[in-house]
């Protein structure tokens, strides 16, 4: 399916049809993409793409911290301490999309990466590292592997589910980056 967004056309999969797309800071962003799990639960992801269509490696995160919660607002004291200790964090970025323990898409997307952020089921009230959460993350990675923009390389970011129990289950068809 081809859709026109800001006078440009994009090829999108059916899962993108109900999601809002914006072009911001040189990135094509699709908000709240539904990813259906094997038990029927629908998780939501925000995806940050380079503006140019193509095949890209992905950096995926999954967790309970709220993919739409700005670090500097949701965790203000932690943000203030981090910026004081590492002021370069705010260079080359507006920090608009900076989140707790997630990569800043404004720094990765210009280098040709797609950043995928998935809110875990019941975000904020989940059983950490449960078999169900591990399975959901695995299914999100499998979903990413079916997308037309995906080039077969995936990285996992964040401390929530970046564990041997998760990364050891990466699909064999995917190369880790």
N, C-alpha and C. Protein backbone atom coordinates (compact mmCIF):
# COMPACT_ATOMS: atom_id res chain seq x y z
N UNK A 1 0.84 -1.17 0.00
CA UNK A 1 0.00 0.00 0.00
C UNK A 1 0.89 1.24 0.00
N UNK A 2 0.52 2.23 -0.78
CA UNK A 2 1.26 3.49 -0.84
C UNK A 2 0.40 4.57 -0.22
N UNK A 3 0.99 5.37 0.67
CA UNK A 3 0.27 6.48 1.27
C UNK A 3 1.06 7.76 1.04
N UNK A 4 0.35 8.88 0.92
CA UNK A 4 1.00 10.18 0.76
C UNK A 4 1.06 10.85 2.13
N UNK A 5 2.25 11.27 2.50
CA UNK A 5 2.46 11.96 3.77
C UNK A 5 3.28 13.19 3.46
N UNK A 6 2.75 14.35 3.81
CA UNK A 6 3.45 15.62 3.54
C UNK A 6 3.92 15.69 2.09
N UNK A 7 2.99 15.37 1.18
CA UNK A 7 3.23 15.43 -0.26
C UNK A 7 4.29 14.45 -0.75
N UNK A 8 4.62 13.45 0.06
CA UNK A 8 5.54 12.40 -0.36
C UNK A 8 4.82 11.08 -0.25
N UNK A 9 5.21 10.10 -1.07
CA UNK A 9 4.58 8.80 -1.01
C UNK A 9 5.50 7.80 -0.33
N UNK A 10 4.90 6.93 0.49
CA UNK A 10 5.63 5.89 1.20
C UNK A 10 4.90 4.57 1.04
N UNK A 11 5.67 3.51 0.88
CA UNK A 11 5.11 2.16 0.89
C UNK A 11 5.07 1.71 2.34
N UNK A 12 3.89 1.30 2.80
CA UNK A 12 3.75 0.88 4.19
C UNK A 12 3.02 -0.46 4.25
N UNK A 13 3.26 -1.20 5.34
CA UNK A 13 2.54 -2.44 5.55
C UNK A 13 1.20 -2.13 6.20
N UNK A 14 0.29 -3.07 6.20
CA UNK A 14 -1.04 -2.85 6.76
C UNK A 14 -0.98 -2.46 8.24
N UNK A 15 0.01 -2.91 8.98
CA UNK A 15 0.07 -2.56 10.40
C UNK A 15 0.28 -1.07 10.62
N UNK A 16 0.74 -0.34 9.60
CA UNK A 16 0.96 1.09 9.74
C UNK A 16 -0.31 1.90 9.47
N UNK A 17 -1.34 1.31 8.91
CA UNK A 17 -2.49 2.07 8.44
C UNK A 17 -3.17 2.90 9.52
N UNK A 18 -3.27 2.42 10.73
CA UNK A 18 -3.97 3.13 11.79
C UNK A 18 -3.03 4.04 12.58
N UNK A 19 -1.78 4.11 12.24
CA UNK A 19 -0.80 4.86 13.00
C UNK A 19 -0.57 6.24 12.38
N UNK A 20 -0.20 7.19 13.23
CA UNK A 20 0.08 8.55 12.79
C UNK A 20 1.54 8.65 12.37
N UNK A 21 1.80 9.28 11.23
CA UNK A 21 3.16 9.45 10.73
C UNK A 21 3.47 10.94 10.67
N UNK A 22 4.70 11.28 11.08
CA UNK A 22 5.17 12.66 11.02
C UNK A 22 6.60 12.68 10.49
N UNK A 23 6.96 13.80 9.89
CA UNK A 23 8.35 14.06 9.52
C UNK A 23 8.83 15.14 10.48
N UNK A 24 9.80 14.80 11.33
CA UNK A 24 10.33 15.73 12.32
C UNK A 24 11.84 15.58 12.41
N UNK A 25 12.56 16.69 12.46
CA UNK A 25 14.01 16.69 12.67
C UNK A 25 14.73 15.74 11.71
N UNK A 26 14.26 15.68 10.47
CA UNK A 26 14.91 14.85 9.47
C UNK A 26 14.62 13.36 9.60
N UNK A 27 13.59 13.02 10.38
CA UNK A 27 13.22 11.61 10.57
C UNK A 27 11.75 11.42 10.18
N UNK A 28 11.45 10.25 9.67
CA UNK A 28 10.07 9.84 9.44
C UNK A 28 9.69 9.01 10.66
N UNK A 29 8.68 9.43 11.41
CA UNK A 29 8.29 8.78 12.66
C UNK A 29 6.88 8.25 12.53
N UNK A 30 6.69 7.00 12.86
CA UNK A 30 5.35 6.42 12.90
C UNK A 30 5.06 6.06 14.35
N UNK A 31 3.99 6.64 14.88
CA UNK A 31 3.63 6.49 16.29
C UNK A 31 2.61 5.38 16.49
N UNK A 32 2.76 4.64 17.56
CA UNK A 32 1.77 3.66 18.03
C UNK A 32 1.40 2.59 17.01
N UNK A 33 2.40 2.01 16.39
CA UNK A 33 2.18 0.92 15.45
C UNK A 33 1.75 -0.33 16.24
N UNK A 34 0.65 -0.96 15.85
CA UNK A 34 0.22 -2.16 16.58
C UNK A 34 1.06 -3.38 16.20
N UNK A 35 1.47 -4.13 17.22
CA UNK A 35 2.16 -5.40 16.99
C UNK A 35 1.37 -6.46 17.76
N UNK A 36 0.74 -7.36 17.05
CA UNK A 36 -0.12 -8.36 17.68
C UNK A 36 0.69 -9.55 18.17
N UNK A 37 0.50 -9.89 19.43
CA UNK A 37 1.18 -11.04 20.03
C UNK A 37 0.38 -12.32 19.77
N UNK A 38 0.99 -13.47 20.03
CA UNK A 38 0.34 -14.74 19.73
C UNK A 38 -0.91 -15.00 20.56
N UNK A 39 -1.09 -14.29 21.70
CA UNK A 39 -2.28 -14.48 22.52
C UNK A 39 -3.35 -13.42 22.23
N UNK A 40 -3.14 -12.60 21.20
CA UNK A 40 -4.10 -11.59 20.80
C UNK A 40 -3.85 -10.21 21.38
N UNK A 41 -2.98 -10.10 22.38
CA UNK A 41 -2.65 -8.81 22.95
C UNK A 41 -1.94 -7.96 21.90
N UNK A 42 -2.28 -6.68 21.85
CA UNK A 42 -1.64 -5.77 20.91
C UNK A 42 -0.72 -4.83 21.68
N UNK A 43 0.56 -4.87 21.35
CA UNK A 43 1.53 -3.93 21.90
C UNK A 43 1.67 -2.79 20.91
N UNK A 44 2.18 -1.65 21.37
CA UNK A 44 2.33 -0.49 20.50
C UNK A 44 3.80 -0.09 20.43
N UNK A 45 4.23 0.28 19.24
CA UNK A 45 5.62 0.71 19.01
C UNK A 45 5.65 2.06 18.32
N UNK A 46 6.67 2.84 18.64
CA UNK A 46 7.00 4.04 17.88
C UNK A 46 8.26 3.70 17.09
N UNK A 47 8.27 4.07 15.80
CA UNK A 47 9.42 3.74 14.96
C UNK A 47 9.94 5.01 14.30
N UNK A 48 11.25 5.20 14.40
CA UNK A 48 11.95 6.36 13.85
C UNK A 48 12.79 5.88 12.68
N UNK A 49 12.50 6.40 11.48
CA UNK A 49 13.18 6.00 10.25
C UNK A 49 13.98 7.16 9.67
N UNK A 50 15.01 6.83 8.86
CA UNK A 50 15.55 7.87 7.98
C UNK A 50 14.45 8.30 7.02
N UNK A 51 14.49 9.52 6.55
CA UNK A 51 13.45 9.99 5.61
C UNK A 51 13.45 9.22 4.31
N UNK A 52 14.63 8.84 3.85
CA UNK A 52 14.76 8.13 2.57
C UNK A 52 14.34 6.67 2.74
N UNK A 53 13.51 6.18 1.82
CA UNK A 53 13.16 4.76 1.83
C UNK A 53 14.40 3.93 1.61
N UNK A 54 14.46 2.77 2.19
CA UNK A 54 15.60 1.89 2.02
C UNK A 54 15.55 0.75 3.02
N UNK A 55 16.61 -0.04 3.03
CA UNK A 55 16.74 -1.15 3.98
C UNK A 55 17.74 -0.74 5.04
N UNK A 56 17.34 -0.87 6.30
CA UNK A 56 18.15 -0.37 7.40
C UNK A 56 18.26 -1.40 8.53
N UNK A 57 19.35 -1.33 9.29
CA UNK A 57 19.42 -2.12 10.52
C UNK A 57 18.52 -1.46 11.56
N UNK A 58 18.08 -2.26 12.52
CA UNK A 58 17.17 -1.76 13.55
C UNK A 58 17.81 -1.86 14.93
N UNK A 59 17.47 -0.91 15.79
CA UNK A 59 17.79 -0.98 17.21
C UNK A 59 16.44 -1.02 17.91
N UNK A 60 16.18 -2.11 18.62
CA UNK A 60 14.88 -2.31 19.24
C UNK A 60 14.99 -2.26 20.76
N UNK A 61 14.00 -1.65 21.38
CA UNK A 61 13.89 -1.63 22.83
C UNK A 61 12.49 -2.05 23.21
N UNK A 62 12.37 -2.59 24.40
CA UNK A 62 11.10 -3.10 24.89
C UNK A 62 11.10 -2.89 26.40
N UNK A 63 10.06 -2.32 26.93
CA UNK A 63 10.08 -2.15 28.38
C UNK A 63 8.89 -1.44 28.96
N UNK A 64 8.95 -1.22 30.28
CA UNK A 64 7.82 -0.68 31.02
C UNK A 64 7.86 0.82 31.26
N UNK A 65 8.85 1.52 30.75
CA UNK A 65 9.07 2.90 31.17
C UNK A 65 8.29 3.95 30.37
N UNK A 66 7.52 3.57 29.40
CA UNK A 66 6.74 4.52 28.63
C UNK A 66 7.52 5.11 27.48
N UNK A 67 7.32 4.56 26.28
CA UNK A 67 8.08 4.98 25.10
C UNK A 67 7.88 6.45 24.77
N UNK A 68 6.79 7.05 25.25
CA UNK A 68 6.51 8.44 24.96
C UNK A 68 6.82 9.40 26.10
N UNK A 69 7.44 8.91 27.16
CA UNK A 69 7.77 9.76 28.30
C UNK A 69 9.15 10.36 28.09
N UNK A 70 9.20 11.68 27.93
CA UNK A 70 10.49 12.36 27.74
C UNK A 70 11.33 12.22 29.00
N UNK A 71 12.59 11.83 28.83
CA UNK A 71 13.50 11.62 29.95
C UNK A 71 13.53 12.85 30.86
N UNK A 72 13.70 14.03 30.25
CA UNK A 72 13.85 15.25 31.04
C UNK A 72 12.58 15.65 31.78
N UNK A 73 11.44 15.09 31.41
CA UNK A 73 10.18 15.37 32.11
C UNK A 73 9.82 14.25 33.09
N UNK A 74 9.90 13.02 32.65
CA UNK A 74 9.51 11.89 33.50
C UNK A 74 10.51 11.53 34.58
N UNK A 75 11.78 11.85 34.35
CA UNK A 75 12.85 11.51 35.29
C UNK A 75 13.77 12.72 35.44
N UNK A 76 13.17 13.86 35.78
CA UNK A 76 13.89 15.14 35.78
C UNK A 76 15.17 15.13 36.60
N UNK A 77 15.15 14.63 37.82
CA UNK A 77 16.37 14.67 38.65
C UNK A 77 17.47 13.81 38.04
N UNK A 78 17.11 12.66 37.49
CA UNK A 78 18.11 11.81 36.82
C UNK A 78 18.65 12.49 35.57
N UNK A 79 17.77 13.14 34.81
CA UNK A 79 18.18 13.87 33.62
C UNK A 79 19.17 14.98 33.97
N UNK A 80 18.81 15.76 34.99
CA UNK A 80 19.67 16.87 35.40
C UNK A 80 21.06 16.39 35.82
N UNK A 81 21.12 15.29 36.56
CA UNK A 81 22.42 14.74 36.98
C UNK A 81 23.22 14.23 35.79
N UNK A 82 22.54 13.57 34.87
CA UNK A 82 23.23 13.01 33.70
C UNK A 82 23.79 14.13 32.82
N UNK A 83 22.99 15.16 32.57
CA UNK A 83 23.45 16.26 31.72
C UNK A 83 24.59 17.03 32.39
N UNK A 84 24.52 17.16 33.70
CA UNK A 84 25.61 17.84 34.42
C UNK A 84 26.91 17.05 34.30
N UNK A 85 26.81 15.74 34.39
CA UNK A 85 28.00 14.89 34.31
C UNK A 85 28.48 14.68 32.87
N UNK A 86 27.55 14.65 31.92
CA UNK A 86 27.87 14.36 30.51
C UNK A 86 27.17 15.39 29.61
N UNK A 87 27.63 16.63 29.59
CA UNK A 87 26.94 17.67 28.81
C UNK A 87 26.89 17.41 27.31
N UNK A 88 27.77 16.55 26.80
CA UNK A 88 27.76 16.25 25.37
C UNK A 88 26.49 15.51 24.94
N UNK A 89 25.73 14.98 25.88
CA UNK A 89 24.48 14.29 25.55
C UNK A 89 23.53 15.21 24.80
N UNK A 90 23.55 16.48 25.14
CA UNK A 90 22.62 17.42 24.52
C UNK A 90 23.14 18.02 23.22
N UNK A 91 24.34 17.65 22.82
CA UNK A 91 24.90 18.16 21.56
C UNK A 91 24.38 17.34 20.40
N UNK A 92 24.15 17.96 19.28
CA UNK A 92 23.68 17.31 18.05
C UNK A 92 22.30 16.68 18.19
N UNK A 93 21.50 17.18 19.12
CA UNK A 93 20.16 16.66 19.31
C UNK A 93 19.31 17.68 20.05
N UNK A 94 18.03 17.71 19.72
CA UNK A 94 17.11 18.54 20.49
C UNK A 94 16.70 17.83 21.78
N UNK A 95 16.99 16.53 21.87
CA UNK A 95 16.63 15.67 23.01
C UNK A 95 15.12 15.51 23.16
N UNK A 96 14.38 15.87 22.14
CA UNK A 96 12.92 15.76 22.16
C UNK A 96 12.47 14.32 22.38
N UNK A 97 13.20 13.35 21.82
CA UNK A 97 12.79 11.95 21.88
C UNK A 97 13.68 11.13 22.81
N UNK A 98 14.45 11.80 23.64
CA UNK A 98 15.33 11.10 24.58
C UNK A 98 14.46 10.46 25.67
N UNK A 99 14.61 9.17 25.89
CA UNK A 99 13.84 8.43 26.90
C UNK A 99 14.78 7.71 27.85
N UNK A 100 14.23 7.31 28.96
CA UNK A 100 14.98 6.52 29.95
C UNK A 100 15.55 5.27 29.28
N UNK A 101 16.83 5.10 29.38
CA UNK A 101 17.62 3.95 28.91
C UNK A 101 17.42 3.56 27.45
N UNK A 102 17.03 4.52 26.61
CA UNK A 102 16.85 4.25 25.19
C UNK A 102 17.80 5.12 24.37
N UNK A 103 18.14 4.65 23.18
CA UNK A 103 18.98 5.46 22.30
C UNK A 103 18.21 6.69 21.85
N UNK A 104 18.92 7.77 21.59
CA UNK A 104 18.33 8.99 21.08
C UNK A 104 18.24 8.85 19.56
N UNK A 105 17.03 8.74 19.00
CA UNK A 105 16.93 8.54 17.56
C UNK A 105 17.54 9.68 16.74
N UNK A 106 17.58 10.88 17.29
CA UNK A 106 18.19 11.99 16.56
C UNK A 106 19.68 11.78 16.34
N UNK A 107 20.29 10.91 17.11
CA UNK A 107 21.72 10.61 16.93
C UNK A 107 21.95 9.34 16.11
N UNK A 108 20.99 8.44 16.06
CA UNK A 108 21.18 7.16 15.35
C UNK A 108 20.55 7.14 13.97
N UNK A 109 19.37 7.74 13.81
CA UNK A 109 18.68 7.70 12.52
C UNK A 109 19.50 8.36 11.42
N UNK A 110 20.16 9.50 11.65
CA UNK A 110 20.98 10.09 10.58
C UNK A 110 22.11 9.18 10.10
N UNK A 111 22.51 8.23 10.94
CA UNK A 111 23.56 7.28 10.55
C UNK A 111 22.99 6.02 9.91
N UNK A 112 21.69 6.03 9.58
CA UNK A 112 21.10 4.93 8.83
C UNK A 112 20.52 3.81 9.66
N UNK A 113 20.09 4.09 10.88
CA UNK A 113 19.44 3.09 11.72
C UNK A 113 17.96 3.41 11.86
N UNK A 114 17.17 2.38 12.08
CA UNK A 114 15.77 2.52 12.46
C UNK A 114 15.70 2.24 13.96
N UNK A 115 15.07 3.11 14.72
CA UNK A 115 14.92 2.91 16.16
C UNK A 115 13.47 2.50 16.45
N UNK A 116 13.31 1.34 17.08
CA UNK A 116 11.98 0.81 17.41
C UNK A 116 11.83 0.81 18.92
N UNK A 117 10.76 1.41 19.41
CA UNK A 117 10.48 1.43 20.85
C UNK A 117 9.13 0.78 21.08
N UNK A 118 9.12 -0.29 21.88
CA UNK A 118 7.90 -1.02 22.15
C UNK A 118 7.56 -0.91 23.63
N UNK A 119 6.31 -0.51 23.92
CA UNK A 119 5.83 -0.54 25.30
C UNK A 119 5.41 -1.97 25.61
N UNK A 120 5.95 -2.51 26.71
CA UNK A 120 5.58 -3.85 27.14
C UNK A 120 4.14 -3.91 27.62
N UNK A 121 3.60 -5.10 27.67
CA UNK A 121 2.22 -5.24 28.12
C UNK A 121 2.08 -4.72 29.54
N UNK A 122 1.03 -3.97 29.77
CA UNK A 122 0.79 -3.40 31.10
C UNK A 122 1.92 -2.52 31.57
N UNK A 123 2.54 -1.77 30.66
CA UNK A 123 3.72 -0.97 30.99
C UNK A 123 3.61 -0.34 32.37
N UNK A 124 4.68 -0.50 33.14
CA UNK A 124 4.76 0.03 34.47
C UNK A 124 4.30 -0.93 35.55
N UNK A 125 3.57 -1.98 35.17
CA UNK A 125 3.04 -2.92 36.15
C UNK A 125 3.24 -4.36 35.66
N UNK A 126 4.41 -4.63 35.15
CA UNK A 126 4.62 -5.94 34.58
C UNK A 126 5.56 -6.77 35.43
N UNK A 127 5.48 -8.07 35.27
CA UNK A 127 6.36 -9.01 35.96
C UNK A 127 7.68 -9.01 35.20
N UNK A 128 8.68 -8.33 35.76
CA UNK A 128 9.95 -8.18 35.07
C UNK A 128 10.57 -9.53 34.71
N UNK A 129 10.99 -9.62 33.47
CA UNK A 129 11.68 -10.80 32.94
C UNK A 129 10.87 -12.07 33.05
N UNK A 130 9.55 -11.95 33.01
CA UNK A 130 8.72 -13.14 33.01
C UNK A 130 8.87 -13.84 31.66
N UNK A 131 8.55 -15.13 31.61
CA UNK A 131 8.60 -15.81 30.30
C UNK A 131 7.70 -15.14 29.26
N UNK A 132 6.57 -14.59 29.69
CA UNK A 132 5.67 -13.92 28.75
C UNK A 132 6.32 -12.67 28.17
N UNK A 133 6.99 -11.88 29.00
CA UNK A 133 7.66 -10.68 28.52
C UNK A 133 8.78 -11.04 27.55
N UNK A 134 9.54 -12.06 27.88
CA UNK A 134 10.61 -12.51 26.99
C UNK A 134 10.04 -12.95 25.65
N UNK A 135 8.92 -13.67 25.68
CA UNK A 135 8.26 -14.13 24.45
C UNK A 135 7.75 -12.94 23.65
N UNK A 136 7.16 -11.96 24.33
CA UNK A 136 6.67 -10.76 23.63
C UNK A 136 7.81 -10.04 22.91
N UNK A 137 8.93 -9.88 23.60
CA UNK A 137 10.07 -9.19 22.99
C UNK A 137 10.56 -9.98 21.77
N UNK A 138 10.65 -11.28 21.91
CA UNK A 138 11.03 -12.15 20.80
C UNK A 138 10.07 -11.94 19.62
N UNK A 139 8.76 -11.91 19.92
CA UNK A 139 7.77 -11.72 18.85
C UNK A 139 7.90 -10.34 18.20
N UNK A 140 8.27 -9.32 18.97
CA UNK A 140 8.48 -7.99 18.40
C UNK A 140 9.68 -8.01 17.44
N UNK A 141 10.72 -8.74 17.82
CA UNK A 141 11.89 -8.87 16.94
C UNK A 141 11.50 -9.62 15.67
N UNK A 142 10.72 -10.67 15.81
CA UNK A 142 10.23 -11.41 14.64
C UNK A 142 9.40 -10.50 13.73
N UNK A 143 8.56 -9.66 14.33
CA UNK A 143 7.75 -8.72 13.57
C UNK A 143 8.66 -7.79 12.77
N UNK A 144 9.68 -7.23 13.43
CA UNK A 144 10.60 -6.32 12.75
C UNK A 144 11.25 -7.01 11.55
N UNK A 145 11.55 -8.28 11.69
CA UNK A 145 12.22 -9.03 10.62
C UNK A 145 11.34 -9.19 9.39
N UNK A 146 10.03 -8.99 9.51
CA UNK A 146 9.13 -9.13 8.36
C UNK A 146 8.89 -7.82 7.62
N UNK A 147 9.45 -6.72 8.13
CA UNK A 147 9.17 -5.40 7.54
C UNK A 147 10.04 -5.17 6.30
N UNK A 148 9.47 -4.48 5.32
CA UNK A 148 10.17 -4.28 4.05
C UNK A 148 11.42 -3.41 4.19
N UNK A 149 11.50 -2.57 5.19
CA UNK A 149 12.64 -1.69 5.38
C UNK A 149 13.79 -2.36 6.12
N UNK A 150 13.58 -3.52 6.70
CA UNK A 150 14.55 -4.19 7.57
C UNK A 150 15.62 -4.90 6.74
N UNK A 151 16.91 -4.75 7.14
CA UNK A 151 18.00 -5.33 6.35
C UNK A 151 18.59 -6.61 6.96
N UNK A 152 17.98 -7.15 8.01
CA UNK A 152 18.47 -8.41 8.59
C UNK A 152 19.39 -8.24 9.77
N UNK A 153 19.69 -7.01 10.17
CA UNK A 153 20.57 -6.76 11.31
C UNK A 153 19.77 -6.07 12.41
N UNK A 154 19.94 -6.56 13.65
CA UNK A 154 19.20 -5.97 14.76
C UNK A 154 20.08 -5.84 15.99
N UNK A 155 19.88 -4.76 16.71
CA UNK A 155 20.55 -4.54 17.99
C UNK A 155 19.49 -4.39 19.06
N UNK A 156 19.80 -4.78 20.26
CA UNK A 156 18.90 -4.62 21.40
C UNK A 156 19.51 -3.58 22.32
N UNK A 157 18.68 -2.64 22.76
CA UNK A 157 19.15 -1.56 23.64
C UNK A 157 18.32 -1.53 24.90
N UNK A 158 18.94 -1.14 26.01
CA UNK A 158 18.24 -0.98 27.28
C UNK A 158 18.62 -2.09 28.24
N UNK A 159 18.43 -1.81 29.53
CA UNK A 159 18.78 -2.82 30.52
C UNK A 159 17.61 -3.70 30.91
N UNK A 160 16.40 -3.30 30.56
CA UNK A 160 15.22 -4.04 31.00
C UNK A 160 15.22 -5.49 30.51
N UNK A 161 15.34 -5.69 29.22
CA UNK A 161 15.30 -7.06 28.70
C UNK A 161 16.53 -7.40 27.86
N UNK A 162 17.61 -6.72 28.07
CA UNK A 162 18.85 -7.03 27.36
C UNK A 162 19.61 -8.05 28.20
N UNK A 163 19.10 -9.24 28.22
CA UNK A 163 19.67 -10.30 29.05
C UNK A 163 19.92 -11.52 28.21
N UNK A 164 20.73 -12.45 28.70
CA UNK A 164 20.93 -13.69 27.94
C UNK A 164 19.63 -14.43 27.66
N UNK A 165 18.65 -14.33 28.56
CA UNK A 165 17.39 -15.04 28.32
C UNK A 165 16.65 -14.47 27.12
N UNK A 166 16.84 -13.20 26.81
CA UNK A 166 16.21 -12.59 25.65
C UNK A 166 17.10 -12.68 24.43
N UNK A 167 18.33 -12.18 24.56
CA UNK A 167 19.19 -12.10 23.38
C UNK A 167 19.56 -13.50 22.88
N UNK A 168 19.55 -14.48 23.75
CA UNK A 168 19.82 -15.85 23.32
C UNK A 168 18.73 -16.43 22.46
N UNK A 169 17.55 -15.79 22.45
CA UNK A 169 16.41 -16.26 21.68
C UNK A 169 16.22 -15.49 20.38
N UNK A 170 17.18 -14.65 19.99
CA UNK A 170 17.02 -13.91 18.75
C UNK A 170 16.80 -14.87 17.59
N UNK A 171 15.93 -14.50 16.69
CA UNK A 171 15.68 -15.35 15.53
C UNK A 171 16.97 -15.63 14.77
N UNK A 172 17.11 -16.84 14.30
CA UNK A 172 18.34 -17.24 13.60
C UNK A 172 18.54 -16.48 12.31
N UNK A 173 17.45 -15.99 11.73
CA UNK A 173 17.57 -15.26 10.47
C UNK A 173 18.11 -13.85 10.66
N UNK A 174 18.26 -13.41 11.89
CA UNK A 174 18.72 -12.06 12.16
C UNK A 174 20.18 -12.08 12.57
N UNK A 175 20.91 -11.09 12.08
CA UNK A 175 22.29 -10.89 12.52
C UNK A 175 22.29 -9.81 13.58
N UNK A 176 23.02 -10.03 14.64
CA UNK A 176 23.09 -9.03 15.70
C UNK A 176 24.09 -7.96 15.32
N UNK A 177 23.79 -6.72 15.72
CA UNK A 177 24.73 -5.62 15.50
C UNK A 177 25.14 -5.05 16.83
